[in-house]
Amino acid sequence: MAVAKLAKVQYNEFFVNTLMDMVAKIIESEGQRIYVSQNQAYKRFGRVNVEKWVKLQRIKAFYRGNVIQYRMIELLEAAKNQQDYLY
């Protein structure tokens, strides 16, 4: 009898991933987009901020052909942090 091995996942990582999935579903149900283009992210959050967040690995860029996209939930979370100017 084969027994499946479960990967050990830290509680915080599990909680954050589950929470992000739930927020993504809420965003999608409200008619907002889960992913936004780089141009839209620059307009909404400022080019300097988006580039800084990518450099600090607070947000991850997704390359889809010629288009660079970002997850809206990551952008909102990075924008919520008031003290990122200290880094």
Protein backbone atom coordinates (compact mmCIF):
# COMPACT_ATOMS: atom_id res chain seq x y z
CA MET A 1 0.00 0.00 0.00
CA ALA A 2 1.44 3.36 -1.12
CA VAL A 3 1.28 6.24 1.30
CA ALA A 4 1.30 9.76 -0.05
CA LYS A 5 3.88 12.01 1.52
CA LEU A 6 2.59 15.39 2.53
CA ALA A 7 4.90 18.34 2.07
CA LYS A 8 5.66 20.24 5.22
CA VAL A 9 4.36 23.77 4.85
CA GLN A 10 4.77 26.48 7.41
CA TYR A 11 1.48 27.70 8.81
CA ASN A 12 2.19 31.30 7.80
CA GLU A 13 2.90 30.28 4.21
CA PHE A 14 -0.27 28.20 4.06
CA PHE A 15 -2.35 30.99 5.58
CA VAL A 16 -0.98 33.66 3.23
CA ASN A 17 -1.49 31.48 0.14
CA THR A 18 -5.05 30.62 1.18
CA LEU A 19 -5.82 34.24 1.97
CA MET A 20 -4.41 35.43 -1.37
CA ASP A 21 -6.54 32.88 -3.22
CA MET A 22 -9.64 34.08 -1.36
CA VAL A 23 -8.89 37.74 -2.07
CA ALA A 24 -8.26 36.94 -5.73
CA LYS A 25 -11.69 35.32 -5.95
CA ILE A 26 -13.30 38.34 -4.31
CA ILE A 27 -11.54 40.72 -6.66
CA GLU A 28 -12.58 38.65 -9.65
CA SER A 29 -16.20 38.43 -8.45
CA GLU A 30 -16.38 42.21 -8.11
CA GLY A 31 -15.41 42.60 -11.75
CA GLN A 32 -11.85 43.72 -11.12
CA ARG A 33 -8.93 42.11 -12.83
CA ILE A 34 -6.59 39.77 -10.98
CA TYR A 35 -3.65 40.74 -13.21
CA VAL A 36 -2.90 44.22 -14.52
CA SER A 37 -0.44 45.21 -17.22
CA GLN A 38 2.77 46.98 -16.36
CA ASN A 39 1.46 50.17 -17.97
CA GLN A 40 -1.70 50.09 -15.83
CA ALA A 41 0.37 49.39 -12.69
CA TYR A 42 2.64 52.36 -13.47
CA LYS A 43 -0.37 54.65 -13.92
CA ARG A 44 -2.12 53.51 -10.76
CA PHE A 45 0.80 53.11 -8.33
CA GLY A 46 3.61 55.13 -9.91
CA ARG A 47 6.47 53.81 -12.01
CA VAL A 48 9.11 54.38 -9.32
CA ASN A 49 7.07 52.49 -6.72
CA VAL A 50 6.40 49.50 -8.98
CA GLU A 51 10.05 49.25 -10.01
CA LYS A 52 11.14 49.51 -6.35
CA TRP A 53 8.70 46.79 -5.27
CA VAL A 54 9.97 44.48 -8.02
CA LYS A 55 13.56 45.14 -6.93
CA LEU A 56 12.66 44.44 -3.28
CA GLN A 57 10.76 41.29 -4.43
CA ARG A 58 7.49 42.48 -2.90
CA ILE A 59 5.75 41.86 -6.21
CA LYS A 60 6.50 39.42 -8.99
CA ALA A 61 6.33 40.19 -12.70
CA PHE A 62 4.60 37.67 -14.94
CA TYR A 63 5.70 37.60 -18.56
CA ARG A 64 2.93 36.68 -20.99
CA GLY A 65 4.31 37.03 -24.48
CA ASN A 66 5.17 40.70 -24.98
CA VAL A 67 3.14 41.85 -21.97
CA ILE A 68 4.43 42.16 -18.41
CA GLN A 69 1.71 41.76 -15.79
CA TYR A 70 1.48 42.00 -12.02
CA ARG A 71 -1.00 40.51 -9.54
CA MET A 72 -3.32 43.21 -8.25
CA ILE A 73 -3.34 41.75 -4.74
CA GLU A 74 0.45 42.00 -4.54
CA LEU A 75 0.35 45.60 -5.77
CA LEU A 76 -2.28 46.54 -3.20
CA GLU A 77 -0.34 44.83 -0.41
CA ALA A 78 2.90 46.61 -1.38
CA ALA A 79 1.08 49.96 -1.59
CA LYS A 80 -0.40 49.42 1.88
CA ASN A 81 3.05 49.37 3.50
CA GLN A 82 3.70 52.93 4.70
CA GLN A 83 7.41 52.58 5.52
CA ASP A 84 8.92 51.13 2.39
CA TYR A 85 10.71 54.45 1.75
CA LEU A 86 13.18 53.51 4.52
CA TYR A 87 14.57 50.57 2.51
